Amino acid sequence: MSSEEGQVISCHSIQEWKEHFQKGLESKKLVLIDFTASWCRPCRLIGPILAEIAKNTPHVIFLNVDVDELKTVAEEYNVVAMPTFVFLKEGKQVDKFVGARKEDLQAKITELGTITA
C-alpha cells in the first residue's frame, strides 16, 4: 500500500490537482473528488467520515478540492453546492451527487469502486 492509499489527498494547486488526476488516470482506479469549502458546515461534518471510508477503501483514490482555492476545477465539474462528490473512472465522470449523506456516499463508493481487472 502506498503512503497515499487509504487517505484523502488535498489538492491546493492546479499542479497538485493535475498530478493526482493523472495518477488516477494511470491507475484505472475509481477517483472520488470531494468538492468542499472551509466555510461549509456539512463539508466539515462529512470530512472525518470520508477519511474513515478512505482508510477502509484503498482501491479508490480520494481527492479533496476546496472550491475557493481551485475555482477552475470546480467550474469544470459544474459544482454549485457543497459538498459535491464527483466520481471519475479513467478520467471520465461516471457519477456525481451533492450533500453530506454518509449512507449515500458509502453506497456509491461500493457500487462504483468495485475492483475490475
PDB file of N, CA and C in Angstrom:
ATOM      1  N   MET A   1       0.852  -1.180   0.000  1.00  0.00           N
ATOM      2  CA  MET A   1       0.000   0.000   0.000  1.00  0.00           C
ATOM      3  C   MET A   1       0.891   1.234   0.000  1.00  0.00           C
ATOM      4  N   SER A   2       0.663   2.160  -0.920  1.00  0.00           N
ATOM      5  CA  SER A   2       1.482   3.371  -0.967  1.00  0.00           C
ATOM      6  C   SER A   2       1.037   4.311   0.153  1.00  0.00           C
ATOM      7  N   SER A   3       1.842   5.330   0.406  1.00  0.00           N
ATOM      8  CA  SER A   3       1.528   6.254   1.502  1.00  0.00           C
ATOM      9  C   SER A   3       0.230   7.017   1.239  1.00  0.00           C
ATOM     10  N   GLU A   4      -0.169   7.122  -0.024  1.00  0.00           N
ATOM     11  CA  GLU A   4      -1.389   7.878  -0.335  1.00  0.00           C
ATOM     12  C   GLU A   4      -2.640   7.002  -0.314  1.00  0.00           C
ATOM     13  N   GLU A   5      -2.473   5.688  -0.338  1.00  0.00           N
ATOM     14  CA  GLU A   5      -3.649   4.820  -0.298  1.00  0.00           C
ATOM     15  C   GLU A   5      -4.270   4.898   1.093  1.00  0.00           C
ATOM     16  N   GLY A   6      -5.582   4.886   1.115  1.00  0.00           N
ATOM     17  CA  GLY A   6      -6.272   4.895   2.393  1.00  0.00           C
ATOM     18  C   GLY A   6      -6.362   6.255   3.043  1.00  0.00           C
ATOM     19  N   GLN A   7      -6.110   7.318   2.278  1.00  0.00           N
ATOM     20  CA  GLN A   7      -6.283   8.657   2.841  1.00  0.00           C
ATOM     21  C   GLN A   7      -6.865   9.613   1.805  1.00  0.00           C
ATOM     22  N   VAL A   8      -7.404  10.710   2.302  1.00  0.00           N
ATOM     23  CA  VAL A   8      -7.947  11.744   1.427  1.00  0.00           C
ATOM     24  C   VAL A   8      -6.809  12.714   1.116  1.00  0.00           C
ATOM     25  N   ILE A   9      -6.542  12.922  -0.155  1.00  0.00           N
ATOM     26  CA  ILE A   9      -5.439  13.778  -0.593  1.00  0.00           C
ATOM     27  C   ILE A   9      -5.989  15.156  -0.958  1.00  0.00           C
ATOM     28  N   SER A  10      -5.507  16.181  -0.281  1.00  0.00           N
ATOM     29  CA  SER A  10      -5.947  17.545  -0.573  1.00  0.00           C
ATOM     30  C   SER A  10      -5.121  18.139  -1.704  1.00  0.00           C
ATOM     31  N   CYS A  11      -5.814  18.739  -2.650  1.00  0.00           N
ATOM     32  CA  CYS A  11      -5.154  19.409  -3.776  1.00  0.00           C
ATOM     33  C   CYS A  11      -5.271  20.918  -3.552  1.00  0.00           C
ATOM     34  N   HIS A  12      -4.110  21.587  -3.372  1.00  0.00           N
ATOM     35  CA  HIS A  12      -4.130  23.017  -3.071  1.00  0.00           C
ATOM     36  C   HIS A  12      -3.669  23.874  -4.245  1.00  0.00           C
ATOM     37  N   SER A  13      -3.276  23.229  -5.339  1.00  0.00           N
ATOM     38  CA  SER A  13      -2.847  23.991  -6.515  1.00  0.00           C
ATOM     39  C   SER A  13      -3.278  23.230  -7.763  1.00  0.00           C
ATOM     40  N   ILE A  14      -3.309  23.930  -8.876  1.00  0.00           N
ATOM     41  CA  ILE A  14      -3.661  23.289 -10.142  1.00  0.00           C
ATOM     42  C   ILE A  14      -2.631  22.196 -10.454  1.00  0.00           C
ATOM     43  N   GLN A  15      -1.368  22.454 -10.119  1.00  0.00           N
ATOM     44  CA  GLN A  15      -0.310  21.464 -10.353  1.00  0.00           C
ATOM     45  C   GLN A  15      -0.578  20.171  -9.569  1.00  0.00           C
ATOM     46  N   GLU A  16      -0.916  20.315  -8.276  1.00  0.00           N
ATOM     47  CA  GLU A  16      -1.232  19.132  -7.456  1.00  0.00           C
ATOM     48  C   GLU A  16      -2.448  18.408  -8.033  1.00  0.00           C
ATOM     49  N   TRP A  17      -3.455  19.193  -8.423  1.00  0.00           N
ATOM     50  CA  TRP A  17      -4.671  18.610  -8.989  1.00  0.00           C
ATOM     51  C   TRP A  17      -4.325  17.772 -10.221  1.00  0.00           C
ATOM     52  N   LYS A  18      -3.555  18.349 -11.145  1.00  0.00           N
ATOM     53  CA  LYS A  18      -3.201  17.650 -12.390  1.00  0.00           C
ATOM     54  C   LYS A  18      -2.410  16.377 -12.098  1.00  0.00           C
ATOM     55  N   GLU A  19      -1.502  16.473 -11.140  1.00  0.00           N
ATOM     56  CA  GLU A  19      -0.663  15.331 -10.768  1.00  0.00           C
ATOM     57  C   GLU A  19      -1.510  14.162 -10.249  1.00  0.00           C
ATOM     58  N   HIS A  20      -2.426  14.462  -9.338  1.00  0.00           N
ATOM     59  CA  HIS A  20      -3.264  13.405  -8.758  1.00  0.00           C
ATOM     60  C   HIS A  20      -4.314  12.906  -9.747  1.00  0.00           C
ATOM     61  N   PHE A  21      -4.827  13.803 -10.574  1.00  0.00           N
ATOM     62  CA  PHE A  21      -5.771  13.400 -11.624  1.00  0.00           C
ATOM     63  C   PHE A  21      -5.079  12.404 -12.558  1.00  0.00           C
ATOM     64  N   GLN A  22      -3.846  12.704 -12.929  1.00  0.00           N
ATOM     65  CA  GLN A  22      -3.064  11.839 -13.821  1.00  0.00           C
ATOM     66  C   GLN A  22      -2.813  10.474 -13.185  1.00  0.00           C
ATOM     67  N   LYS A  23      -2.495  10.473 -11.888  1.00  0.00           N
ATOM     68  CA  LYS A  23      -2.276   9.207 -11.172  1.00  0.00           C
ATOM     69  C   LYS A  23      -3.539   8.351 -11.224  1.00  0.00           C
ATOM     70  N   GLY A  24      -4.679   8.996 -11.049  1.00  0.00           N
ATOM     71  CA  GLY A  24      -5.956   8.279 -11.109  1.00  0.00           C
ATOM     72  C   GLY A  24      -6.195   7.703 -12.479  1.00  0.00           C
ATOM     73  N   LEU A  25      -5.833   8.475 -13.491  1.00  0.00           N
ATOM     74  CA  LEU A  25      -5.976   8.044 -14.877  1.00  0.00           C
ATOM     75  C   LEU A  25      -5.121   6.814 -15.144  1.00  0.00           C
ATOM     76  N   GLU A  26      -3.870   6.865 -14.711  1.00  0.00           N
ATOM     77  CA  GLU A  26      -2.933   5.771 -14.958  1.00  0.00           C
ATOM     78  C   GLU A  26      -3.255   4.527 -14.145  1.00  0.00           C
ATOM     79  N   SER A  27      -3.814   4.698 -12.954  1.00  0.00           N
ATOM     80  CA  SER A  27      -4.068   3.555 -12.071  1.00  0.00           C
ATOM     81  C   SER A  27      -5.328   2.779 -12.449  1.00  0.00           C
ATOM     82  N   LYS A  28      -6.206   3.404 -13.212  1.00  0.00           N
ATOM     83  CA  LYS A  28      -7.508   2.845 -13.582  1.00  0.00           C
ATOM     84  C   LYS A  28      -8.421   2.633 -12.365  1.00  0.00           C
ATOM     85  N   LYS A  29      -8.068   3.267 -11.244  1.00  0.00           N
ATOM     86  CA  LYS A  29      -8.894   3.184 -10.032  1.00  0.00           C
ATOM     87  C   LYS A  29     -10.038   4.191 -10.127  1.00  0.00           C
ATOM     88  N   LEU A  30     -11.065   3.951  -9.329  1.00  0.00           N
ATOM     89  CA  LEU A  30     -12.120   4.945  -9.169  1.00  0.00           C
ATOM     90  C   LEU A  30     -11.513   6.131  -8.430  1.00  0.00           C
ATOM     91  N   VAL A  31     -11.807   7.347  -8.908  1.00  0.00           N
ATOM     92  CA  VAL A  31     -11.352   8.561  -8.234  1.00  0.00           C
ATOM     93  C   VAL A  31     -12.585   9.298  -7.718  1.00  0.00           C
ATOM     94  N   LEU A  32     -12.582   9.602  -6.431  1.00  0.00           N
ATOM     95  CA  LEU A  32     -13.671  10.356  -5.817  1.00  0.00           C
ATOM     96  C   LEU A  32     -13.133  11.733  -5.473  1.00  0.00           C
ATOM     97  N   ILE A  33     -13.753  12.776  -6.030  1.00  0.00           N
ATOM     98  CA  ILE A  33     -13.357  14.147  -5.722  1.00  0.00           C
ATOM     99  C   ILE A  33     -14.407  14.739  -4.785  1.00  0.00           C
ATOM    100  N   ASP A  34     -13.937  15.171  -3.636  1.00  0.00           N
ATOM    101  CA  ASP A  34     -14.793  15.841  -2.663  1.00  0.00           C
ATOM    102  C   ASP A  34     -14.583  17.340  -2.834  1.00  0.00           C
ATOM    103  N   PHE A  35     -15.573  18.013  -3.416  1.00  0.00           N
ATOM    104  CA  PHE A  35     -15.504  19.472  -3.568  1.00  0.00           C
ATOM    105  C   PHE A  35     -16.076  20.081  -2.292  1.00  0.00           C
ATOM    106  N   THR A  36     -15.263  20.871  -1.631  1.00  0.00           N
ATOM    107  CA  THR A  36     -15.601  21.363  -0.312  1.00  0.00           C
ATOM    108  C   THR A  36     -15.253  22.843  -0.183  1.00  0.00           C
ATOM    109  N   ALA A  37     -15.593  23.422   0.957  1.00  0.00           N
ATOM    110  CA  ALA A  37     -15.214  24.812   1.256  1.00  0.00           C
ATOM    111  C   ALA A  37     -15.031  24.928   2.764  1.00  0.00           C
ATOM    112  N   SER A  38     -14.080  25.733   3.177  1.00  0.00           N
ATOM    113  CA  SER A  38     -13.774  25.860   4.612  1.00  0.00           C
ATOM    114  C   SER A  38     -14.969  26.388   5.404  1.00  0.00           C
ATOM    115  N   TRP A  39     -15.809  27.189   4.779  1.00  0.00           N
ATOM    116  CA  TRP A  39     -16.959  27.800   5.457  1.00  0.00           C
ATOM    117  C   TRP A  39     -18.213  26.914   5.439  1.00  0.00           C
ATOM    118  N   CYS A  40     -18.129  25.757   4.808  1.00  0.00           N
ATOM    119  CA  CYS A  40     -19.298  24.887   4.635  1.00  0.00           C
ATOM    120  C   CYS A  40     -19.418  23.892   5.797  1.00  0.00           C
ATOM    121  N   ARG A  41     -20.438  24.066   6.615  1.00  0.00           N
ATOM    122  CA  ARG A  41     -20.623  23.201   7.796  1.00  0.00           C
ATOM    123  C   ARG A  41     -20.822  21.731   7.411  1.00  0.00           C
ATOM    124  N   PRO A  42     -21.708  21.394   6.476  1.00  0.00           N
ATOM    125  CA  PRO A  42     -21.857  19.978   6.104  1.00  0.00           C
ATOM    126  C   PRO A  42     -20.538  19.366   5.603  1.00  0.00           C
ATOM    127  N   CYS A  43     -19.706  20.187   4.935  1.00  0.00           N
ATOM    128  CA  CYS A  43     -18.406  19.696   4.453  1.00  0.00           C
ATOM    129  C   CYS A  43     -17.526  19.294   5.627  1.00  0.00           C
ATOM    130  N   ARG A  44     -17.542  20.125   6.671  1.00  0.00           N
ATOM    131  CA  ARG A  44     -16.719  19.829   7.851  1.00  0.00           C
ATOM    132  C   ARG A  44     -17.231  18.585   8.562  1.00  0.00           C
ATOM    133  N   LEU A  45     -18.528  18.356   8.521  1.00  0.00           N
ATOM    134  CA  LEU A  45     -19.102  17.178   9.177  1.00  0.00           C
ATOM    135  C   LEU A  45     -18.776  15.891   8.412  1.00  0.00           C
ATOM    136  N   ILE A  46     -18.790  15.944   7.092  1.00  0.00           N
ATOM    137  CA  ILE A  46     -18.554  14.746   6.285  1.00  0.00           C
ATOM    138  C   ILE A  46     -17.053  14.444   6.157  1.00  0.00           C
ATOM    139  N   GLY A  47     -16.203  15.430   6.365  1.00  0.00           N
ATOM    140  CA  GLY A  47     -14.755  15.253   6.228  1.00  0.00           C
ATOM    141  C   GLY A  47     -14.191  14.049   6.976  1.00  0.00           C
ATOM    142  N   PRO A  48     -14.416  13.950   8.308  1.00  0.00           N
ATOM    143  CA  PRO A  48     -13.888  12.812   9.065  1.00  0.00           C
ATOM    144  C   PRO A  48     -14.512  11.474   8.625  1.00  0.00           C
ATOM    145  N   ILE A  49     -15.754  11.516   8.193  1.00  0.00           N
ATOM    146  CA  ILE A  49     -16.426  10.299   7.712  1.00  0.00           C
ATOM    147  C   ILE A  49     -15.760   9.843   6.418  1.00  0.00           C
ATOM    148  N   LEU A  50     -15.478  10.790   5.528  1.00  0.00           N
ATOM    149  CA  LEU A  50     -14.800  10.466   4.272  1.00  0.00           C
ATOM    150  C   LEU A  50     -13.414   9.882   4.552  1.00  0.00           C
ATOM    151  N   ALA A  51     -12.705  10.458   5.528  1.00  0.00           N
ATOM    152  CA  ALA A  51     -11.375   9.960   5.895  1.00  0.00           C
ATOM    153  C   ALA A  51     -11.464   8.510   6.386  1.00  0.00           C
ATOM    154  N   GLU A  52     -12.496   8.207   7.145  1.00  0.00           N
ATOM    155  CA  GLU A  52     -12.698   6.846   7.656  1.00  0.00           C
ATOM    156  C   GLU A  52     -12.999   5.882   6.501  1.00  0.00           C
ATOM    157  N   ILE A  53     -13.851   6.298   5.577  1.00  0.00           N
ATOM    158  CA  ILE A  53     -14.168   5.473   4.408  1.00  0.00           C
ATOM    159  C   ILE A  53     -12.895   5.236   3.595  1.00  0.00           C
ATOM    160  N   ALA A  54     -12.089   6.278   3.420  1.00  0.00           N
ATOM    161  CA  ALA A  54     -10.849   6.161   2.642  1.00  0.00           C
ATOM    162  C   ALA A  54      -9.911   5.119   3.252  1.00  0.00           C
ATOM    163  N   LYS A  55      -9.825   5.109   4.581  1.00  0.00           N
ATOM    164  CA  LYS A  55      -8.963   4.143   5.277  1.00  0.00           C
ATOM    165  C   LYS A  55      -9.339   2.713   4.923  1.00  0.00           C
ATOM    166  N   ASN A  56     -10.639   2.488   4.770  1.00  0.00           N
ATOM    167  CA  ASN A  56     -11.145   1.135   4.504  1.00  0.00           C
ATOM    168  C   ASN A  56     -11.314   0.834   3.022  1.00  0.00           C
ATOM    169  N   THR A  57     -10.943   1.771   2.156  1.00  0.00           N
ATOM    170  CA  THR A  57     -11.149   1.604   0.720  1.00  0.00           C
ATOM    171  C   THR A  57      -9.884   2.004  -0.050  1.00  0.00           C
ATOM    172  N   PRO A  58      -8.788   1.264   0.124  1.00  0.00           N
ATOM    173  CA  PRO A  58      -7.534   1.664  -0.525  1.00  0.00           C
ATOM    174  C   PRO A  58      -7.544   1.525  -2.047  1.00  0.00           C
ATOM    175  N   HIS A  59      -8.547   0.835  -2.602  1.00  0.00           N
ATOM    176  CA  HIS A  59      -8.620   0.679  -4.056  1.00  0.00           C
ATOM    177  C   HIS A  59      -9.342   1.844  -4.741  1.00  0.00           C
ATOM    178  N   VAL A  60      -9.654   2.889  -3.963  1.00  0.00           N
ATOM    179  CA  VAL A  60     -10.273   4.105  -4.510  1.00  0.00           C
ATOM    180  C   VAL A  60      -9.358   5.272  -4.154  1.00  0.00           C
ATOM    181  N   ILE A  61      -9.176   6.214  -5.084  1.00  0.00           N
ATOM    182  CA  ILE A  61      -8.378   7.413  -4.834  1.00  0.00           C
ATOM    183  C   ILE A  61      -9.326   8.521  -4.390  1.00  0.00           C
ATOM    184  N   PHE A  62      -9.061   9.089  -3.223  1.00  0.00           N
ATOM    185  CA  PHE A  62      -9.894  10.154  -2.658  1.00  0.00           C
ATOM    186  C   PHE A  62      -9.156  11.479  -2.756  1.00  0.00           C
ATOM    187  N   LEU A  63      -9.745  12.439  -3.467  1.00  0.00           N
ATOM    188  CA  LEU A  63      -9.154  13.766  -3.601  1.00  0.00           C
ATOM    189  C   LEU A  63     -10.084  14.798  -2.978  1.00  0.00           C
ATOM    190  N   ASN A  64      -9.494  15.816  -2.390  1.00  0.00           N
ATOM    191  CA  ASN A  64     -10.252  16.885  -1.769  1.00  0.00           C
ATOM    192  C   ASN A  64      -9.877  18.183  -2.465  1.00  0.00           C
ATOM    193  N   VAL A  65     -10.880  18.907  -2.948  1.00  0.00           N
ATOM    194  CA  VAL A  65     -10.648  20.173  -3.647  1.00  0.00           C
ATOM    195  C   VAL A  65     -11.488  21.263  -2.986  1.00  0.00           C
ATOM    196  N   ASP A  66     -10.814  22.304  -2.502  1.00  0.00           N
ATOM    197  CA  ASP A  66     -11.509  23.464  -1.933  1.00  0.00           C
ATOM    198  C   ASP A  66     -11.929  24.350  -3.104  1.00  0.00           C
ATOM    199  N   VAL A  67     -13.223  24.599  -3.208  1.00  0.00           N
ATOM    200  CA  VAL A  67     -13.744  25.355  -4.359  1.00  0.00           C
ATOM    201  C   VAL A  67     -13.235  26.794  -4.402  1.00  0.00           C
ATOM    202  N   ASP A  68     -12.857  27.340  -3.252  1.00  0.00           N
ATOM    203  CA  ASP A  68     -12.334  28.702  -3.227  1.00  0.00           C
ATOM    204  C   ASP A  68     -10.868  28.738  -3.677  1.00  0.00           C
ATOM    205  N   GLU A  69     -10.138  27.650  -3.423  1.00  0.00           N
ATOM    206  CA  GLU A  69      -8.737  27.572  -3.852  1.00  0.00           C
ATOM    207  C   GLU A  69      -8.617  27.236  -5.337  1.00  0.00           C
ATOM    208  N   LEU A  70      -9.439  26.309  -5.787  1.00  0.00           N
ATOM    209  CA  LEU A  70      -9.339  25.823  -7.170  1.00  0.00           C
ATOM    210  C   LEU A  70     -10.668  26.019  -7.902  1.00  0.00           C
ATOM    211  N   LYS A  71     -11.029  27.281  -8.091  1.00  0.00           N
ATOM    212  CA  LYS A  71     -12.303  27.629  -8.746  1.00  0.00           C
ATOM    213  C   LYS A  71     -12.433  26.999 -10.133  1.00  0.00           C
ATOM    214  N   THR A  72     -11.341  26.980 -10.899  1.00  0.00           N
ATOM    215  CA  THR A  72     -11.422  26.471 -12.271  1.00  0.00           C
ATOM    216  C   THR A  72     -11.766  24.987 -12.293  1.00  0.00           C
ATOM    217  N   VAL A  73     -11.252  24.228 -11.324  1.00  0.00           N
ATOM    218  CA  VAL A  73     -11.563  22.786 -11.254  1.00  0.00           C
ATOM    219  C   VAL A  73     -13.034  22.609 -10.885  1.00  0.00           C
ATOM    220  N   ALA A  74     -13.503  23.393  -9.920  1.00  0.00           N
ATOM    221  CA  ALA A  74     -14.909  23.333  -9.511  1.00  0.00           C
ATOM    222  C   ALA A  74     -15.821  23.688 -10.688  1.00  0.00           C
ATOM    223  N   GLU A  75     -15.425  24.700 -11.450  1.00  0.00           N
ATOM    224  CA  GLU A  75     -16.229  25.111 -12.605  1.00  0.00           C
ATOM    225  C   GLU A  75     -16.249  24.025 -13.678  1.00  0.00           C
ATOM    226  N   GLU A  76     -15.116  23.366 -13.849  1.00  0.00           N
ATOM    227  CA  GLU A  76     -15.007  22.300 -14.848  1.00  0.00           C
ATOM    228  C   GLU A  76     -16.036  21.184 -14.591  1.00  0.00           C
ATOM    229  N   TYR A  77     -16.318  20.935 -13.309  1.00  0.00           N
ATOM    230  CA  TYR A  77     -17.268  19.878 -12.932  1.00  0.00           C
ATOM    231  C   TYR A  77     -18.631  20.439 -12.540  1.00  0.00           C
ATOM    232  N   ASN A  78     -18.877  21.700 -12.868  1.00  0.00           N
ATOM    233  CA  ASN A  78     -20.166  22.354 -12.606  1.00  0.00           C
ATOM    234  C   ASN A  78     -20.609  22.237 -11.155  1.00  0.00           C
ATOM    235  N   VAL A  79     -19.695  22.488 -10.243  1.00  0.00           N
ATOM    236  CA  VAL A  79     -20.004  22.417  -8.815  1.00  0.00           C
ATOM    237  C   VAL A  79     -20.659  23.730  -8.400  1.00  0.00           C
ATOM    238  N   VAL A  80     -21.886  23.622  -7.874  1.00  0.00           N
ATOM    239  CA  VAL A  80     -22.608  24.826  -7.461  1.00  0.00           C
ATOM    240  C   VAL A  80     -23.009  24.785  -5.983  1.00  0.00           C
ATOM    241  N   ALA A  81     -22.885  23.630  -5.334  1.00  0.00           N
ATOM    242  CA  ALA A  81     -23.219  23.497  -3.917  1.00  0.00           C
ATOM    243  C   ALA A  81     -22.196  22.565  -3.271  1.00  0.00           C
ATOM    244  N   MET A  82     -22.005  22.721  -1.977  1.00  0.00           N
ATOM    245  CA  MET A  82     -21.051  21.879  -1.278  1.00  0.00           C
ATOM    246  C   MET A  82     -21.723  21.113  -0.143  1.00  0.00           C
ATOM    247  N   PRO A  83     -21.225  19.918   0.161  1.00  0.00           N
ATOM    248  CA  PRO A  83     -20.194  19.211  -0.595  1.00  0.00           C
ATOM    249  C   PRO A  83     -20.780  18.571  -1.856  1.00  0.00           C
ATOM    250  N   THR A  84     -19.972  18.535  -2.899  1.00  0.00           N
ATOM    251  CA  THR A  84     -20.317  17.805  -4.119  1.00  0.00           C
ATOM    252  C   THR A  84     -19.268  16.716  -4.290  1.00  0.00           C
ATOM    253  N   PHE A  85     -19.734  15.518  -4.558  1.00  0.00           N
ATOM    254  CA  PHE A  85     -18.835  14.384  -4.787  1.00  0.00           C
ATOM    255  C   PHE A  85     -18.922  13.983  -6.248  1.00  0.00           C
ATOM    256  N   VAL A  86     -17.775  13.984  -6.916  1.00  0.00           N
ATOM    257  CA  VAL A  86     -17.710  13.611  -8.326  1.00  0.00           C
ATOM    258  C   VAL A  86     -16.886  12.333  -8.420  1.00  0.00           C
ATOM    259  N   PHE A  87     -17.415  11.377  -9.158  1.00  0.00           N
ATOM    260  CA  PHE A  87     -16.755  10.087  -9.330  1.00  0.00           C
ATOM    261  C   PHE A  87     -16.219   9.969 -10.745  1.00  0.00           C
ATOM    262  N   LEU A  88     -14.940   9.647 -10.869  1.00  0.00           N
ATOM    263  CA  LEU A  88     -14.300   9.510 -12.176  1.00  0.00           C
ATOM    264  C   LEU A  88     -13.751   8.103 -12.354  1.00  0.00           C
ATOM    265  N   LYS A  89     -13.874   7.601 -13.558  1.00  0.00           N
ATOM    266  CA  LYS A  89     -13.202   6.363 -13.946  1.00  0.00           C
ATOM    267  C   LYS A  89     -12.476   6.653 -15.243  1.00  0.00           C
ATOM    268  N   GLU A  90     -11.172   6.392 -15.238  1.00  0.00           N
ATOM    269  CA  GLU A  90     -10.327   6.642 -16.403  1.00  0.00           C
ATOM    270  C   GLU A  90     -10.503   8.071 -16.924  1.00  0.00           C
ATOM    271  N   GLY A  91     -10.627   9.021 -15.987  1.00  0.00           N
ATOM    272  CA  GLY A  91     -10.702  10.431 -16.334  1.00  0.00           C
ATOM    273  C   GLY A  91     -12.074  10.938 -16.722  1.00  0.00           C
ATOM    274  N   LYS A  92     -13.047  10.040 -16.797  1.00  0.00           N
ATOM    275  CA  LYS A  92     -14.398  10.451 -17.208  1.00  0.00           C
ATOM    276  C   LYS A  92     -15.349  10.409 -16.020  1.00  0.00           C
ATOM    277  N   GLN A  93     -16.194  11.435 -15.939  1.00  0.00           N
ATOM    278  CA  GLN A  93     -17.178  11.481 -14.855  1.00  0.00           C
ATOM    279  C   GLN A  93     -18.209  10.377 -15.056  1.00  0.00           C
ATOM    280  N   VAL A  94     -18.372   9.532 -14.018  1.00  0.00           N
ATOM    281  CA  VAL A  94     -19.351   8.449 -14.096  1.00  0.00           C
ATOM    282  C   VAL A  94     -20.533   8.686 -13.168  1.00  0.00           C
ATOM    283  N   ASP A  95     -20.357   9.594 -12.204  1.00  0.00           N
ATOM    284  CA  ASP A  95     -21.460   9.913 -11.300  1.00  0.00           C
ATOM    285  C   ASP A  95     -21.122  11.164 -10.505  1.00  0.00           C
ATOM    286  N   LYS A  96     -22.159  11.701  -9.846  1.00  0.00           N
ATOM    287  CA  LYS A  96     -21.989  12.921  -9.071  1.00  0.00           C
ATOM    288  C   LYS A  96     -23.171  13.041  -8.129  1.00  0.00           C
ATOM    289  N   PHE A  97     -22.925  13.443  -6.887  1.00  0.00           N
ATOM    290  CA  PHE A  97     -24.062  13.812  -6.047  1.00  0.00           C
ATOM    291  C   PHE A  97     -23.663  14.879  -5.053  1.00  0.00           C
ATOM    292  N   VAL A  98     -24.678  15.600  -4.589  1.00  0.00           N
ATOM    293  CA  VAL A  98     -24.480  16.733  -3.696  1.00  0.00           C
ATOM    294  C   VAL A  98     -25.081  16.390  -2.344  1.00  0.00           C
ATOM    295  N   GLY A  99     -24.354  16.723  -1.286  1.00  0.00           N
ATOM    296  CA  GLY A  99     -24.887  16.544   0.067  1.00  0.00           C
ATOM    297  C   GLY A  99     -24.017  15.659   0.927  1.00  0.00           C
ATOM    298  N   ALA A 100     -24.091  15.904   2.224  1.00  0.00           N
ATOM    299  CA  ALA A 100     -23.266  15.185   3.192  1.00  0.00           C
ATOM    300  C   ALA A 100     -24.043  13.999   3.772  1.00  0.00           C
ATOM    301  N   ARG A 101     -24.346  13.030   2.929  1.00  0.00           N
ATOM    302  CA  ARG A 101     -25.105  11.853   3.371  1.00  0.00           C
ATOM    303  C   ARG A 101     -24.196  10.630   3.367  1.00  0.00           C
ATOM    304  N   LYS A 102     -23.771  10.220   4.556  1.00  0.00           N
ATOM    305  CA  LYS A 102     -22.806   9.132   4.711  1.00  0.00           C
ATOM    306  C   LYS A 102     -23.258   7.852   3.997  1.00  0.00           C
ATOM    307  N   GLU A 103     -24.516   7.464   4.198  1.00  0.00           N
ATOM    308  CA  GLU A 103     -25.012   6.201   3.627  1.00  0.00           C
ATOM    309  C   GLU A 103     -24.967   6.241   2.102  1.00  0.00           C
ATOM    310  N   ASP A 104     -25.394   7.367   1.526  1.00  0.00           N
ATOM    311  CA  ASP A 104     -25.382   7.506   0.064  1.00  0.00           C
ATOM    312  C   ASP A 104     -23.957   7.468  -0.470  1.00  0.00           C
ATOM    313  N   LEU A 105     -23.058   8.138   0.239  1.00  0.00           N
ATOM    314  CA  LEU A 105     -21.660   8.184  -0.165  1.00  0.00           C
ATOM    315  C   LEU A 105     -21.050   6.782  -0.141  1.00  0.00           C
ATOM    316  N   GLN A 106     -21.270   6.078   0.968  1.00  0.00           N
ATOM    317  CA  GLN A 106     -20.736   4.727   1.108  1.00  0.00           C
ATOM    318  C   GLN A 106     -21.307   3.798   0.029  1.00  0.00           C
ATOM    319  N   ALA A 107     -22.597   3.893  -0.219  1.00  0.00           N
ATOM    320  CA  ALA A 107     -23.242   3.036  -1.220  1.00  0.00           C
ATOM    321  C   ALA A 107     -22.689   3.308  -2.612  1.00  0.00           C
ATOM    322  N   LYS A 108     -22.488   4.576  -2.940  1.00  0.00           N
ATOM    323  CA  LYS A 108     -21.990   4.945  -4.265  1.00  0.00           C
ATOM    324  C   LYS A 108     -20.547   4.475  -4.439  1.00  0.00           C
ATOM    325  N   ILE A 109     -19.729   4.605  -3.399  1.00  0.00           N
ATOM    326  CA  ILE A 109     -18.341   4.136  -3.463  1.00  0.00           C
ATOM    327  C   ILE A 109     -18.312   2.626  -3.654  1.00  0.00           C
ATOM    328  N   THR A 110     -19.179   1.929  -2.928  1.00  0.00           N
ATOM    329  CA  THR A 110     -19.254   0.471  -3.052  1.00  0.00           C
ATOM    330  C   THR A 110     -19.693   0.069  -4.453  1.00  0.00           C
ATOM    331  N   GLU A 111     -20.706   0.764  -4.966  1.00  0.00           N
ATOM    332  CA  GLU A 111     -21.246   0.455  -6.296  1.00  0.00           C
ATOM    333  C   GLU A 111     -20.205   0.702  -7.399  1.00  0.00           C
ATOM    334  N   LEU A 112     -19.571   1.873  -7.361  1.00  0.00           N
ATOM    335  CA  LEU A 112     -18.659   2.271  -8.428  1.00  0.00           C
ATOM    336  C   LEU A 112     -17.222   1.788  -8.224  1.00  0.00           C
ATOM    337  N   GLY A 113     -16.865   1.519  -6.976  1.00  0.00           N
ATOM    338  CA  GLY A 113     -15.481   1.187  -6.655  1.00  0.00           C
ATOM    339  C   GLY A 113     -15.146  -0.283  -6.716  1.00  0.00           C
ATOM    340  N   THR A 114     -16.055  -1.069  -7.223  1.00  0.00           N
ATOM    341  CA  THR A 114     -15.788  -2.490  -7.350  1.00  0.00           C
ATOM    342  C   THR A 114     -14.544  -2.682  -8.206  1.00  0.00           C
ATOM    343  N   ILE A 115     -13.625  -3.464  -7.693  1.00  0.00           N
ATOM    344  CA  ILE A 115     -12.369  -3.670  -8.406  1.00  0.00           C
ATOM    345  C   ILE A 115     -12.607  -4.505  -9.665  1.00  0.00           C
ATOM    346  N   THR A 116     -12.222  -3.931 -10.783  1.00  0.00           N
ATOM    347  CA  THR A 116     -12.310  -4.679 -12.051  1.00  0.00           C
ATOM    348  C   THR A 116     -10.930  -4.720 -12.657  1.00  0.00           C
ATOM    349  N   ALA A 117     -10.510  -5.900 -12.958  1.00  0.00           N
ATOM    350  CA  ALA A 117      -9.144  -6.063 -13.518  1.00  0.00           C
ATOM    351  C   ALA A 117      -9.175  -5.973 -15.012  1.00  0.00           C
TER     352      ALA A 117
END
